[in-house]
Structures are given as structure tokens and as C-alpha cells.
Amino acid sequence: MNTQNDSQEHIPQYDSHLIPAESAARQHREGQDFGHTPHDAPDGESTHTTDGYTVDKEGLINNYAIEPEMYVEVPGDLREQAAQEAAEHAHDMQELSEDEDGKLTTKHDWRHKGPGLI
């Protein structure tokens, strides 16, 4: 005689006695693909329509808001903006790590007053 735990033993869950209905239905519907996020090939030409979500331990989907490049005015804008922000961050970090010997005198403190290096 099979019990509920025997028949649904392979469904991951947080509580051993409660199985969310949507998890059981998705597991039945998706089969071996249950609990895995499909990812597009790392092709530069494709629009990544499956980005922005993860699947938790129970198989529930967590959606995150992203802006795919197909909705940007010119394709490549987001990559250029991210590269520019990374370059600015690297410049700021280099600027913060510079040695500031001689900038502190008895009359004035000429050292950087920015956010500091955390």
C-alpha cells in the first residue's frame, strides 16, 4: 500500500507533510525539467526572454523585474551603460585607494571627503 509520502517522495519540499498544489501540478506537467530554469544559449544575437526568474527548492517560480534589450531604443545600450558604470566604479576605487601623504597639515585637511572605502 502506497502512502502519500511514497508517491511524492521525489518532490522537494520545506515541510514533510505539506506539498503545495502548484508544485505537485508543475512536477507532473514538466516531468524531468521540473525545478530547472531553461537558459538560452550564450548567443549574442538572441533576446534573453527567460532571464529574470529563478526556481526555489519547492519548484515555485520567483520572478524578478528586468528590462530585456528588445525594449531598449538601440540594442546594446544596456551593455554599454553597464561597461561605463563598471569603468567609473573602477576609477572611483582607484581614486579612493591612492596614498594621500602630505594632504593633512596643521592648517587644513586636503584629503578626500567622499564616501570612503568600505
PDB file of N, CA and C in Angstrom:
ATOM      1  N   MET A   1       0.840  -1.182   0.000  1.00  0.00           N
ATOM      2  CA  MET A   1       0.000   0.000   0.000  1.00  0.00           C
ATOM      3  C   MET A   1       0.882   1.240   0.000  1.00  0.00           C
ATOM      4  N   ASN A   2       0.675   2.099  -0.969  1.00  0.00           N
ATOM      5  CA  ASN A   2       1.456   3.326  -1.066  1.00  0.00           C
ATOM      6  C   ASN A   2       0.810   4.429  -0.248  1.00  0.00           C
ATOM      7  N   THR A   3       1.642   5.190   0.377  1.00  0.00           N
ATOM      8  CA  THR A   3       1.145   6.354   1.102  1.00  0.00           C
ATOM      9  C   THR A   3       1.455   7.592   0.294  1.00  0.00           C
ATOM     10  N   GLN A   4       0.980   8.719   0.764  1.00  0.00           N
ATOM     11  CA  GLN A   4       1.228   9.976   0.060  1.00  0.00           C
ATOM     12  C   GLN A   4       2.722  10.280   0.032  1.00  0.00           C
ATOM     13  N   ASN A   5       3.434   9.976   1.105  1.00  0.00           N
ATOM     14  CA  ASN A   5       4.869  10.244   1.149  1.00  0.00           C
ATOM     15  C   ASN A   5       5.624   9.376   0.156  1.00  0.00           C
ATOM     16  N   ASP A   6       5.181   8.126  -0.066  1.00  0.00           N
ATOM     17  CA  ASP A   6       5.856   7.252  -1.013  1.00  0.00           C
ATOM     18  C   ASP A   6       5.668   7.735  -2.446  1.00  0.00           C
ATOM     19  N   SER A   7       4.477   8.189  -2.780  1.00  0.00           N
ATOM     20  CA  SER A   7       4.193   8.573  -4.156  1.00  0.00           C
ATOM     21  C   SER A   7       4.788   9.925  -4.524  1.00  0.00           C
ATOM     22  N   GLN A   8       5.002  10.799  -3.550  1.00  0.00           N
ATOM     23  CA  GLN A   8       5.533  12.126  -3.854  1.00  0.00           C
ATOM     24  C   GLN A   8       6.853  12.364  -3.134  1.00  0.00           C
ATOM     25  N   GLU A   9       7.615  11.301  -2.951  1.00  0.00           N
ATOM     26  CA  GLU A   9       8.870  11.385  -2.224  1.00  0.00           C
ATOM     27  C   GLU A   9       9.904  12.215  -2.979  1.00  0.00           C
ATOM     28  N   HIS A  10       9.843  12.221  -4.298  1.00  0.00           N
ATOM     29  CA  HIS A  10      10.836  12.907  -5.107  1.00  0.00           C
ATOM     30  C   HIS A  10      10.564  14.405  -5.250  1.00  0.00           C
ATOM     31  N   ILE A  11       9.450  14.907  -4.757  1.00  0.00           N
ATOM     32  CA  ILE A  11       9.156  16.336  -4.828  1.00  0.00           C
ATOM     33  C   ILE A  11       9.827  17.029  -3.647  1.00  0.00           C
ATOM     34  N   PRO A  12      10.782  17.919  -3.901  1.00  0.00           N
ATOM     35  CA  PRO A  12      11.422  18.618  -2.788  1.00  0.00           C
ATOM     36  C   PRO A  12      10.429  19.544  -2.098  1.00  0.00           C
ATOM     37  N   GLN A  13      10.543  19.676  -0.802  1.00  0.00           N
ATOM     38  CA  GLN A  13       9.596  20.491  -0.049  1.00  0.00           C
ATOM     39  C   GLN A  13      10.237  20.972   1.234  1.00  0.00           C
ATOM     40  N   TYR A  14       9.686  22.022   1.798  1.00  0.00           N
ATOM     41  CA  TYR A  14      10.165  22.560   3.059  1.00  0.00           C
ATOM     42  C   TYR A  14       9.533  21.833   4.240  1.00  0.00           C
ATOM     43  N   ASP A  15       8.308  21.396   4.095  1.00  0.00           N
ATOM     44  CA  ASP A  15       7.590  20.701   5.154  1.00  0.00           C
ATOM     45  C   ASP A  15       7.320  19.279   4.673  1.00  0.00           C
ATOM     46  N   SER A  16       7.630  18.298   5.499  1.00  0.00           N
ATOM     47  CA  SER A  16       7.495  16.910   5.058  1.00  0.00           C
ATOM     48  C   SER A  16       6.047  16.467   4.891  1.00  0.00           C
ATOM     49  N   HIS A  17       5.087  17.211   5.423  1.00  0.00           N
ATOM     50  CA  HIS A  17       3.693  16.801   5.338  1.00  0.00           C
ATOM     51  C   HIS A  17       2.857  17.672   4.406  1.00  0.00           C
ATOM     52  N   LEU A  18       3.364  18.831   4.024  1.00  0.00           N
ATOM     53  CA  LEU A  18       2.607  19.741   3.166  1.00  0.00           C
ATOM     54  C   LEU A  18       3.312  19.895   1.832  1.00  0.00           C
ATOM     55  N   ILE A  19       2.601  19.636   0.761  1.00  0.00           N
ATOM     56  CA  ILE A  19       3.137  19.811  -0.581  1.00  0.00           C
ATOM     57  C   ILE A  19       2.247  20.816  -1.289  1.00  0.00           C
ATOM     58  N   PRO A  20       2.807  21.963  -1.715  1.00  0.00           N
ATOM     59  CA  PRO A  20       1.985  22.945  -2.417  1.00  0.00           C
ATOM     60  C   PRO A  20       1.372  22.343  -3.686  1.00  0.00           C
ATOM     61  N   ALA A  21       0.123  22.654  -3.921  1.00  0.00           N
ATOM     62  CA  ALA A  21      -0.582  22.101  -5.080  1.00  0.00           C
ATOM     63  C   ALA A  21       0.091  22.507  -6.381  1.00  0.00           C
ATOM     64  N   GLU A  22       0.575  23.758  -6.451  1.00  0.00           N
ATOM     65  CA  GLU A  22       1.211  24.191  -7.695  1.00  0.00           C
ATOM     66  C   GLU A  22       2.526  23.455  -7.940  1.00  0.00           C
ATOM     67  N   SER A  23       3.231  23.073  -6.863  1.00  0.00           N
ATOM     68  CA  SER A  23       4.465  22.299  -7.028  1.00  0.00           C
ATOM     69  C   SER A  23       4.165  20.905  -7.563  1.00  0.00           C
ATOM     70  N   ALA A  24       3.165  20.248  -7.007  1.00  0.00           N
ATOM     71  CA  ALA A  24       2.799  18.908  -7.474  1.00  0.00           C
ATOM     72  C   ALA A  24       2.305  18.952  -8.917  1.00  0.00           C
ATOM     73  N   ALA A  25       1.511  19.960  -9.259  1.00  0.00           N
ATOM     74  CA  ALA A  25       0.993  20.074 -10.626  1.00  0.00           C
ATOM     75  C   ALA A  25       2.121  20.354 -11.615  1.00  0.00           C
ATOM     76  N   ARG A  26       3.033  21.251 -11.256  1.00  0.00           N
ATOM     77  CA  ARG A  26       4.154  21.547 -12.153  1.00  0.00           C
ATOM     78  C   ARG A  26       5.067  20.340 -12.305  1.00  0.00           C
ATOM     79  N   GLN A  27       5.284  19.586 -11.228  1.00  0.00           N
ATOM     80  CA  GLN A  27       6.137  18.408 -11.302  1.00  0.00           C
ATOM     81  C   GLN A  27       5.510  17.374 -12.238  1.00  0.00           C
ATOM     82  N   HIS A  28       4.216  17.198 -12.154  1.00  0.00           N
ATOM     83  CA  HIS A  28       3.514  16.259 -13.029  1.00  0.00           C
ATOM     84  C   HIS A  28       3.569  16.732 -14.485  1.00  0.00           C
ATOM     85  N   ARG A  29       3.406  18.032 -14.701  1.00  0.00           N
ATOM     86  CA  ARG A  29       3.365  18.598 -16.048  1.00  0.00           C
ATOM     87  C   ARG A  29       4.750  18.634 -16.698  1.00  0.00           C
ATOM     88  N   GLU A  30       5.796  19.006 -15.929  1.00  0.00           N
ATOM     89  CA  GLU A  30       7.116  19.223 -16.510  1.00  0.00           C
ATOM     90  C   GLU A  30       8.003  17.984 -16.500  1.00  0.00           C
ATOM     91  N   GLY A  31       7.707  17.020 -15.658  1.00  0.00           N
ATOM     92  CA  GLY A  31       8.493  15.787 -15.636  1.00  0.00           C
ATOM     93  C   GLY A  31       9.921  16.033 -15.180  1.00  0.00           C
ATOM     94  N   GLN A  32      10.900  15.645 -16.008  1.00  0.00           N
ATOM     95  CA  GLN A  32      12.306  15.776 -15.618  1.00  0.00           C
ATOM     96  C   GLN A  32      12.795  17.217 -15.636  1.00  0.00           C
ATOM     97  N   ASP A  33      12.111  18.102 -16.320  1.00  0.00           N
ATOM     98  CA  ASP A  33      12.512  19.508 -16.354  1.00  0.00           C
ATOM     99  C   ASP A  33      12.053  20.271 -15.120  1.00  0.00           C
ATOM    100  N   PHE A  34      11.345  19.611 -14.224  1.00  0.00           N
ATOM    101  CA  PHE A  34      10.824  20.265 -13.021  1.00  0.00           C
ATOM    102  C   PHE A  34      11.972  20.756 -12.142  1.00  0.00           C
ATOM    103  N   GLY A  35      11.897  22.010 -11.740  1.00  0.00           N
ATOM    104  CA  GLY A  35      12.884  22.573 -10.828  1.00  0.00           C
ATOM    105  C   GLY A  35      14.122  23.122 -11.498  1.00  0.00           C
ATOM    106  N   HIS A  36      14.146  23.164 -12.810  1.00  0.00           N
ATOM    107  CA  HIS A  36      15.309  23.677 -13.531  1.00  0.00           C
ATOM    108  C   HIS A  36      14.882  24.854 -14.395  1.00  0.00           C
ATOM    109  N   THR A  37      15.712  25.888 -14.431  1.00  0.00           N
ATOM    110  CA  THR A  37      15.404  27.030 -15.283  1.00  0.00           C
ATOM    111  C   THR A  37      16.055  26.814 -16.643  1.00  0.00           C
ATOM    112  N   PRO A  38      15.304  26.932 -17.722  1.00  0.00           N
ATOM    113  CA  PRO A  38      15.910  26.824 -19.048  1.00  0.00           C
ATOM    114  C   PRO A  38      16.675  28.107 -19.356  1.00  0.00           C
ATOM    115  N   HIS A  39      17.865  27.960 -19.858  1.00  0.00           N
ATOM    116  CA  HIS A  39      18.668  29.131 -20.198  1.00  0.00           C
ATOM    117  C   HIS A  39      18.943  29.119 -21.690  1.00  0.00           C
ATOM    118  N   ASP A  40      18.907  30.303 -22.260  1.00  0.00           N
ATOM    119  CA  ASP A  40      19.217  30.424 -23.676  1.00  0.00           C
ATOM    120  C   ASP A  40      20.693  30.137 -23.890  1.00  0.00           C
ATOM    121  N   ALA A  41      21.022  29.761 -25.104  1.00  0.00           N
ATOM    122  CA  ALA A  41      22.426  29.571 -25.444  1.00  0.00           C
ATOM    123  C   ALA A  41      23.140  30.916 -25.322  1.00  0.00           C
ATOM    124  N   PRO A  42      24.409  30.907 -24.947  1.00  0.00           N
ATOM    125  CA  PRO A  42      25.120  32.180 -24.788  1.00  0.00           C
ATOM    126  C   PRO A  42      25.391  32.839 -26.130  1.00  0.00           C
ATOM    127  N   ASP A  43      24.345  33.050 -26.871  1.00  0.00           N
ATOM    128  CA  ASP A  43      24.426  33.640 -28.199  1.00  0.00           C
ATOM    129  C   ASP A  43      24.209  35.138 -28.067  1.00  0.00           C
ATOM    130  N   GLY A  44      25.064  35.932 -28.635  1.00  0.00           N
ATOM    131  CA  GLY A  44      24.934  37.373 -28.538  1.00  0.00           C
ATOM    132  C   GLY A  44      23.750  37.923 -29.306  1.00  0.00           C
ATOM    133  N   GLU A  45      23.230  37.158 -30.250  1.00  0.00           N
ATOM    134  CA  GLU A  45      22.147  37.629 -31.099  1.00  0.00           C
ATOM    135  C   GLU A  45      20.764  37.411 -30.488  1.00  0.00           C
ATOM    136  N   SER A  46      20.640  36.452 -29.569  1.00  0.00           N
ATOM    137  CA  SER A  46      19.307  36.116 -29.066  1.00  0.00           C
ATOM    138  C   SER A  46      18.849  37.119 -28.018  1.00  0.00           C
ATOM    139  N   THR A  47      17.543  37.297 -27.928  1.00  0.00           N
ATOM    140  CA  THR A  47      16.974  38.096 -26.848  1.00  0.00           C
ATOM    141  C   THR A  47      16.704  37.143 -25.704  1.00  0.00           C
ATOM    142  N   HIS A  48      17.255  37.424 -24.563  1.00  0.00           N
ATOM    143  CA  HIS A  48      17.177  36.515 -23.424  1.00  0.00           C
ATOM    144  C   HIS A  48      15.824  36.683 -22.738  1.00  0.00           C
ATOM    145  N   THR A  49      14.846  35.944 -23.212  1.00  0.00           N
ATOM    146  CA  THR A  49      13.493  36.078 -22.684  1.00  0.00           C
ATOM    147  C   THR A  49      13.270  35.262 -21.423  1.00  0.00           C
ATOM    148  N   THR A  50      14.177  34.343 -21.080  1.00  0.00           N
ATOM    149  CA  THR A  50      13.993  33.537 -19.870  1.00  0.00           C
ATOM    150  C   THR A  50      14.794  34.075 -18.699  1.00  0.00           C
ATOM    151  N   ASP A  51      15.481  35.184 -18.847  1.00  0.00           N
ATOM    152  CA  ASP A  51      16.220  35.770 -17.731  1.00  0.00           C
ATOM    153  C   ASP A  51      15.244  36.422 -16.772  1.00  0.00           C
ATOM    154  N   GLY A  52      15.652  36.567 -15.541  1.00  0.00           N
ATOM    155  CA  GLY A  52      14.847  37.302 -14.581  1.00  0.00           C
ATOM    156  C   GLY A  52      14.007  36.450 -13.667  1.00  0.00           C
ATOM    157  N   TYR A  53      14.192  35.141 -13.678  1.00  0.00           N
ATOM    158  CA  TYR A  53      13.457  34.332 -12.710  1.00  0.00           C
ATOM    159  C   TYR A  53      14.317  33.165 -12.251  1.00  0.00           C
ATOM    160  N   THR A  54      13.998  32.679 -11.069  1.00  0.00           N
ATOM    161  CA  THR A  54      14.660  31.507 -10.518  1.00  0.00           C
ATOM    162  C   THR A  54      13.590  30.525 -10.063  1.00  0.00           C
ATOM    163  N   VAL A  55      14.005  29.321  -9.765  1.00  0.00           N
ATOM    164  CA  VAL A  55      13.102  28.301  -9.245  1.00  0.00           C
ATOM    165  C   VAL A  55      13.619  27.900  -7.874  1.00  0.00           C
ATOM    166  N   ASP A  56      12.765  27.982  -6.845  1.00  0.00           N
ATOM    167  CA  ASP A  56      13.211  27.653  -5.490  1.00  0.00           C
ATOM    168  C   ASP A  56      13.175  26.144  -5.257  1.00  0.00           C
ATOM    169  N   LYS A  57      13.477  25.748  -4.028  1.00  0.00           N
ATOM    170  CA  LYS A  57      13.584  24.333  -3.664  1.00  0.00           C
ATOM    171  C   LYS A  57      12.296  23.552  -3.923  1.00  0.00           C
ATOM    172  N   GLU A  58      11.170  24.188  -3.736  1.00  0.00           N
ATOM    173  CA  GLU A  58       9.890  23.513  -3.951  1.00  0.00           C
ATOM    174  C   GLU A  58       9.436  23.544  -5.406  1.00  0.00           C
ATOM    175  N   GLY A  59      10.170  24.211  -6.258  1.00  0.00           N
ATOM    176  CA  GLY A  59       9.780  24.295  -7.656  1.00  0.00           C
ATOM    177  C   GLY A  59       8.922  25.488  -7.977  1.00  0.00           C
ATOM    178  N   LEU A  60       8.765  26.404  -7.026  1.00  0.00           N
ATOM    179  CA  LEU A  60       7.978  27.607  -7.278  1.00  0.00           C
ATOM    180  C   LEU A  60       8.848  28.629  -7.999  1.00  0.00           C
ATOM    181  N   ILE A  61       8.256  29.358  -8.922  1.00  0.00           N
ATOM    182  CA  ILE A  61       9.000  30.331  -9.715  1.00  0.00           C
ATOM    183  C   ILE A  61       9.000  31.678  -9.007  1.00  0.00           C
ATOM    184  N   ASN A  62      10.186  32.284  -8.915  1.00  0.00           N
ATOM    185  CA  ASN A  62      10.349  33.628  -8.363  1.00  0.00           C
ATOM    186  C   ASN A  62      10.696  34.545  -9.525  1.00  0.00           C
ATOM    187  N   ASN A  63       9.824  35.495  -9.826  1.00  0.00           N
ATOM    188  CA  ASN A  63      10.057  36.420 -10.931  1.00  0.00           C
ATOM    189  C   ASN A  63      10.754  37.677 -10.436  1.00  0.00           C
ATOM    190  N   TYR A  64      11.689  38.169 -11.218  1.00  0.00           N
ATOM    191  CA  TYR A  64      12.395  39.404 -10.914  1.00  0.00           C
ATOM    192  C   TYR A  64      12.250  40.331 -12.112  1.00  0.00           C
ATOM    193  N   ALA A  65      12.019  41.584 -11.842  1.00  0.00           N
ATOM    194  CA  ALA A  65      11.817  42.541 -12.923  1.00  0.00           C
ATOM    195  C   ALA A  65      13.144  42.839 -13.607  1.00  0.00           C
ATOM    196  N   ILE A  66      13.200  42.634 -14.897  1.00  0.00           N
ATOM    197  CA  ILE A  66      14.362  43.003 -15.691  1.00  0.00           C
ATOM    198  C   ILE A  66      13.854  43.697 -16.947  1.00  0.00           C
ATOM    199  N   GLU A  67      14.747  44.392 -17.608  1.00  0.00           N
ATOM    200  CA  GLU A  67      14.378  45.055 -18.852  1.00  0.00           C
ATOM    201  C   GLU A  67      15.166  44.409 -19.982  1.00  0.00           C
ATOM    202  N   PRO A  68      14.546  43.497 -20.724  1.00  0.00           N
ATOM    203  CA  PRO A  68      15.265  42.866 -21.823  1.00  0.00           C
ATOM    204  C   PRO A  68      15.653  43.901 -22.871  1.00  0.00           C
ATOM    205  N   GLU A  69      16.713  43.619 -23.589  1.00  0.00           N
ATOM    206  CA  GLU A  69      17.208  44.581 -24.569  1.00  0.00           C
ATOM    207  C   GLU A  69      16.238  44.820 -25.711  1.00  0.00           C
ATOM    208  N   MET A  70      15.273  43.945 -25.903  1.00  0.00           N
ATOM    209  CA  MET A  70      14.342  44.167 -27.007  1.00  0.00           C
ATOM    210  C   MET A  70      13.440  45.366 -26.743  1.00  0.00           C
ATOM    211  N   TYR A  71      13.402  45.870 -25.501  1.00  0.00           N
ATOM    212  CA  TYR A  71      12.592  47.031 -25.175  1.00  0.00           C
ATOM    213  C   TYR A  71      13.417  48.309 -25.065  1.00  0.00           C
ATOM    214  N   VAL A  72      14.697  48.244 -25.334  1.00  0.00           N
ATOM    215  CA  VAL A  72      15.566  49.408 -25.286  1.00  0.00           C
ATOM    216  C   VAL A  72      15.601  50.011 -26.682  1.00  0.00           C
ATOM    217  N   GLU A  73      15.809  51.326 -26.752  1.00  0.00           N
ATOM    218  CA  GLU A  73      15.749  52.005 -28.054  1.00  0.00           C
ATOM    219  C   GLU A  73      16.741  51.425 -29.058  1.00  0.00           C
ATOM    220  N   VAL A  74      17.986  51.280 -28.647  1.00  0.00           N
ATOM    221  CA  VAL A  74      19.005  50.746 -29.542  1.00  0.00           C
ATOM    222  C   VAL A  74      19.620  49.516 -28.876  1.00  0.00           C
ATOM    223  N   PRO A  75      19.609  48.347 -29.523  1.00  0.00           N
ATOM    224  CA  PRO A  75      20.218  47.166 -28.905  1.00  0.00           C
ATOM    225  C   PRO A  75      21.686  47.423 -28.576  1.00  0.00           C
ATOM    226  N   GLY A  76      22.093  46.999 -27.406  1.00  0.00           N
ATOM    227  CA  GLY A  76      23.464  47.225 -26.964  1.00  0.00           C
ATOM    228  C   GLY A  76      23.587  48.361 -25.977  1.00  0.00           C
ATOM    229  N   ASP A  77      22.524  49.167 -25.808  1.00  0.00           N
ATOM    230  CA  ASP A  77      22.577  50.295 -24.876  1.00  0.00           C
ATOM    231  C   ASP A  77      22.856  49.841 -23.453  1.00  0.00           C
ATOM    232  N   LEU A  78      22.196  48.770 -23.026  1.00  0.00           N
ATOM    233  CA  LEU A  78      22.374  48.306 -21.652  1.00  0.00           C
ATOM    234  C   LEU A  78      23.794  47.811 -21.416  1.00  0.00           C
ATOM    235  N   ARG A  79      24.383  47.137 -22.399  1.00  0.00           N
ATOM    236  CA  ARG A  79      25.764  46.661 -22.247  1.00  0.00           C
ATOM    237  C   ARG A  79      26.730  47.826 -22.165  1.00  0.00           C
ATOM    238  N   GLU A  80      26.537  48.831 -23.016  1.00  0.00           N
ATOM    239  CA  GLU A  80      27.421  49.998 -22.990  1.00  0.00           C
ATOM    240  C   GLU A  80      27.294  50.745 -21.670  1.00  0.00           C
ATOM    241  N   GLN A  81      26.074  50.885 -21.179  1.00  0.00           N
ATOM    242  CA  GLN A  81      25.854  51.573 -19.912  1.00  0.00           C
ATOM    243  C   GLN A  81      26.489  50.788 -18.760  1.00  0.00           C
ATOM    244  N   ALA A  82      26.363  49.472 -18.766  1.00  0.00           N
ATOM    245  CA  ALA A  82      26.965  48.649 -17.711  1.00  0.00           C
ATOM    246  C   ALA A  82      28.485  48.737 -17.767  1.00  0.00           C
ATOM    247  N   ALA A  83      29.061  48.746 -18.967  1.00  0.00           N
ATOM    248  CA  ALA A  83      30.512  48.864 -19.099  1.00  0.00           C
ATOM    249  C   ALA A  83      30.988  50.227 -18.613  1.00  0.00           C
ATOM    250  N   GLN A  84      30.232  51.277 -18.915  1.00  0.00           N
ATOM    251  CA  GLN A  84      30.590  52.617 -18.465  1.00  0.00           C
ATOM    252  C   GLN A  84      30.515  52.710 -16.938  1.00  0.00           C
ATOM    253  N   GLU A  85      29.470  52.141 -16.336  1.00  0.00           N
ATOM    254  CA  GLU A  85      29.348  52.163 -14.877  1.00  0.00           C
ATOM    255  C   GLU A  85      30.471  51.371 -14.222  1.00  0.00           C
ATOM    256  N   ALA A  86      30.869  50.252 -14.817  1.00  0.00           N
ATOM    257  CA  ALA A  86      31.969  49.457 -14.268  1.00  0.00           C
ATOM    258  C   ALA A  86      33.280  50.231 -14.344  1.00  0.00           C
ATOM    259  N   ALA A  87      33.496  50.947 -15.451  1.00  0.00           N
ATOM    260  CA  ALA A  87      34.714  51.747 -15.582  1.00  0.00           C
ATOM    261  C   ALA A  87      34.728  52.889 -14.570  1.00  0.00           C
ATOM    262  N   GLU A  88      33.589  53.540 -14.367  1.00  0.00           N
ATOM    263  CA  GLU A  88      33.506  54.616 -13.372  1.00  0.00           C
ATOM    264  C   GLU A  88      33.753  54.085 -11.968  1.00  0.00           C
ATOM    265  N   HIS A  89      33.216  52.918 -11.662  1.00  0.00           N
ATOM    266  CA  HIS A  89      33.420  52.316 -10.341  1.00  0.00           C
ATOM    267  C   HIS A  89      34.895  51.968 -10.131  1.00  0.00           C
ATOM    268  N   ALA A  90      35.533  51.407 -11.165  1.00  0.00           N
ATOM    269  CA  ALA A  90      36.956  51.074 -11.060  1.00  0.00           C
ATOM    270  C   ALA A  90      37.791  52.332 -10.852  1.00  0.00           C
ATOM    271  N   HIS A  91      37.435  53.419 -11.555  1.00  0.00           N
ATOM    272  CA  HIS A  91      38.152  54.683 -11.392  1.00  0.00           C
ATOM    273  C   HIS A  91      37.965  55.229  -9.976  1.00  0.00           C
ATOM    274  N   ASP A  92      36.735  55.175  -9.465  1.00  0.00           N
ATOM    275  CA  ASP A  92      36.471  55.648  -8.100  1.00  0.00           C
ATOM    276  C   ASP A  92      37.239  54.835  -7.073  1.00  0.00           C
ATOM    277  N   MET A  93      37.279  53.523  -7.238  1.00  0.00           N
ATOM    278  CA  MET A  93      38.006  52.672  -6.297  1.00  0.00           C
ATOM    279  C   MET A  93      39.503  52.959  -6.344  1.00  0.00           C
ATOM    280  N   GLN A  94      40.030  53.202  -7.539  1.00  0.00           N
ATOM    281  CA  GLN A  94      41.456  53.522  -7.669  1.00  0.00           C
ATOM    282  C   GLN A  94      41.741  54.863  -7.023  1.00  0.00           C
ATOM    283  N   GLU A  95      40.833  55.815  -7.205  1.00  0.00           N
ATOM    284  CA  GLU A  95      40.990  57.144  -6.622  1.00  0.00           C
ATOM    285  C   GLU A  95      40.951  57.083  -5.096  1.00  0.00           C
ATOM    286  N   LEU A  96      40.077  56.253  -4.544  1.00  0.00           N
ATOM    287  CA  LEU A  96      39.968  56.132  -3.096  1.00  0.00           C
ATOM    288  C   LEU A  96      41.162  55.421  -2.480  1.00  0.00           C
ATOM    289  N   SER A  97      41.805  54.548  -3.240  1.00  0.00           N
ATOM    290  CA  SER A  97      42.922  53.795  -2.682  1.00  0.00           C
ATOM    291  C   SER A  97      44.264  54.500  -2.852  1.00  0.00           C
ATOM    292  N   GLU A  98      44.275  55.678  -3.457  1.00  0.00           N
ATOM    293  CA  GLU A  98      45.531  56.409  -3.623  1.00  0.00           C
ATOM    294  C   GLU A  98      46.076  56.860  -2.276  1.00  0.00           C
ATOM    295  N   ASP A  99      47.396  56.926  -2.201  1.00  0.00           N
ATOM    296  CA  ASP A  99      48.067  57.388  -0.989  1.00  0.00           C
ATOM    297  C   ASP A  99      47.892  58.900  -0.892  1.00  0.00           C
ATOM    298  N   GLU A 100      47.543  59.388   0.265  1.00  0.00           N
ATOM    299  CA  GLU A 100      47.269  60.810   0.446  1.00  0.00           C
ATOM    300  C   GLU A 100      48.259  61.454   1.408  1.00  0.00           C
ATOM    301  N   ASP A 101      49.517  61.031   1.339  1.00  0.00           N
ATOM    302  CA  ASP A 101      50.542  61.642   2.188  1.00  0.00           C
ATOM    303  C   ASP A 101      50.723  63.105   1.815  1.00  0.00           C
ATOM    304  N   GLY A 102      50.852  63.949   2.804  1.00  0.00           N
ATOM    305  CA  GLY A 102      51.089  65.367   2.593  1.00  0.00           C
ATOM    306  C   GLY A 102      49.837  66.197   2.447  1.00  0.00           C
ATOM    307  N   LYS A 103      48.669  65.607   2.438  1.00  0.00           N
ATOM    308  CA  LYS A 103      47.434  66.366   2.277  1.00  0.00           C
ATOM    309  C   LYS A 103      46.845  66.813   3.610  1.00  0.00           C
ATOM    310  N   LEU A 104      47.380  66.298   4.706  1.00  0.00           N
ATOM    311  CA  LEU A 104      46.911  66.695   6.027  1.00  0.00           C
ATOM    312  C   LEU A 104      47.980  67.572   6.661  1.00  0.00           C
ATOM    313  N   THR A 105      47.624  68.831   6.884  1.00  0.00           N
ATOM    314  CA  THR A 105      48.552  69.762   7.529  1.00  0.00           C
ATOM    315  C   THR A 105      47.908  70.275   8.804  1.00  0.00           C
ATOM    316  N   THR A 106      48.636  71.065   9.544  1.00  0.00           N
ATOM    317  CA  THR A 106      48.088  71.628  10.781  1.00  0.00           C
ATOM    318  C   THR A 106      47.052  72.693  10.483  1.00  0.00           C
ATOM    319  N   LYS A 107      47.072  73.249   9.275  1.00  0.00           N
ATOM    320  CA  LYS A 107      46.130  74.308   8.938  1.00  0.00           C
ATOM    321  C   LYS A 107      44.904  73.802   8.175  1.00  0.00           C
ATOM    322  N   HIS A 108      45.070  72.742   7.378  1.00  0.00           N
ATOM    323  CA  HIS A 108      43.951  72.304   6.540  1.00  0.00           C
ATOM    324  C   HIS A 108      44.066  70.808   6.229  1.00  0.00           C
ATOM    325  N   ASP A 109      42.924  70.191   6.035  1.00  0.00           N
ATOM    326  CA  ASP A 109      42.854  68.786   5.651  1.00  0.00           C
ATOM    327  C   ASP A 109      42.399  68.715   4.193  1.00  0.00           C
ATOM    328  N   TRP A 110      43.310  68.382   3.290  1.00  0.00           N
ATOM    329  CA  TRP A 110      43.023  68.342   1.864  1.00  0.00           C
ATOM    330  C   TRP A 110      42.664  66.931   1.390  1.00  0.00           C
ATOM    331  N   ARG A 111      42.452  66.014   2.315  1.00  0.00           N
ATOM    332  CA  ARG A 111      42.155  64.637   1.921  1.00  0.00           C
ATOM    333  C   ARG A 111      40.730  64.520   1.360  1.00  0.00           C
ATOM    334  N   HIS A 112      40.502  63.441   0.654  1.00  0.00           N
ATOM    335  CA  HIS A 112      39.207  63.166   0.019  1.00  0.00           C
ATOM    336  C   HIS A 112      38.120  63.022   1.079  1.00  0.00           C
ATOM    337  N   LYS A 113      36.970  63.666   0.863  1.00  0.00           N
ATOM    338  CA  LYS A 113      35.870  63.617   1.826  1.00  0.00           C
ATOM    339  C   LYS A 113      34.700  62.772   1.312  1.00  0.00           C
ATOM    340  N   GLY A 114      34.955  61.938   0.329  1.00  0.00           N
ATOM    341  CA  GLY A 114      33.892  61.149  -0.294  1.00  0.00           C
ATOM    342  C   GLY A 114      33.368  60.033   0.583  1.00  0.00           C
ATOM    343  N   PRO A 115      32.710  59.070  -0.031  1.00  0.00           N
ATOM    344  CA  PRO A 115      32.051  58.007   0.725  1.00  0.00           C
ATOM    345  C   PRO A 115      33.020  57.085   1.445  1.00  0.00           C
ATOM    346  N   GLY A 116      34.265  57.069   1.020  1.00  0.00           N
ATOM    347  CA  GLY A 116      35.244  56.219   1.686  1.00  0.00           C
ATOM    348  C   GLY A 116      35.231  54.812   1.133  1.00  0.00           C
ATOM    349  N   LEU A 117      36.228  54.090   1.506  1.00  0.00           N
ATOM    350  CA  LEU A 117      36.392  52.720   1.043  1.00  0.00           C
ATOM    351  C   LEU A 117      35.878  51.788   2.118  1.00  0.00           C
ATOM    352  N   ILE A 118      34.894  50.980   1.768  1.00  0.00           N
ATOM    353  CA  ILE A 118      34.282  50.093   2.765  1.00  0.00           C
ATOM    354  C   ILE A 118      34.943  48.741   2.701  1.00  0.00           C
TER     355      ILE A 118
END
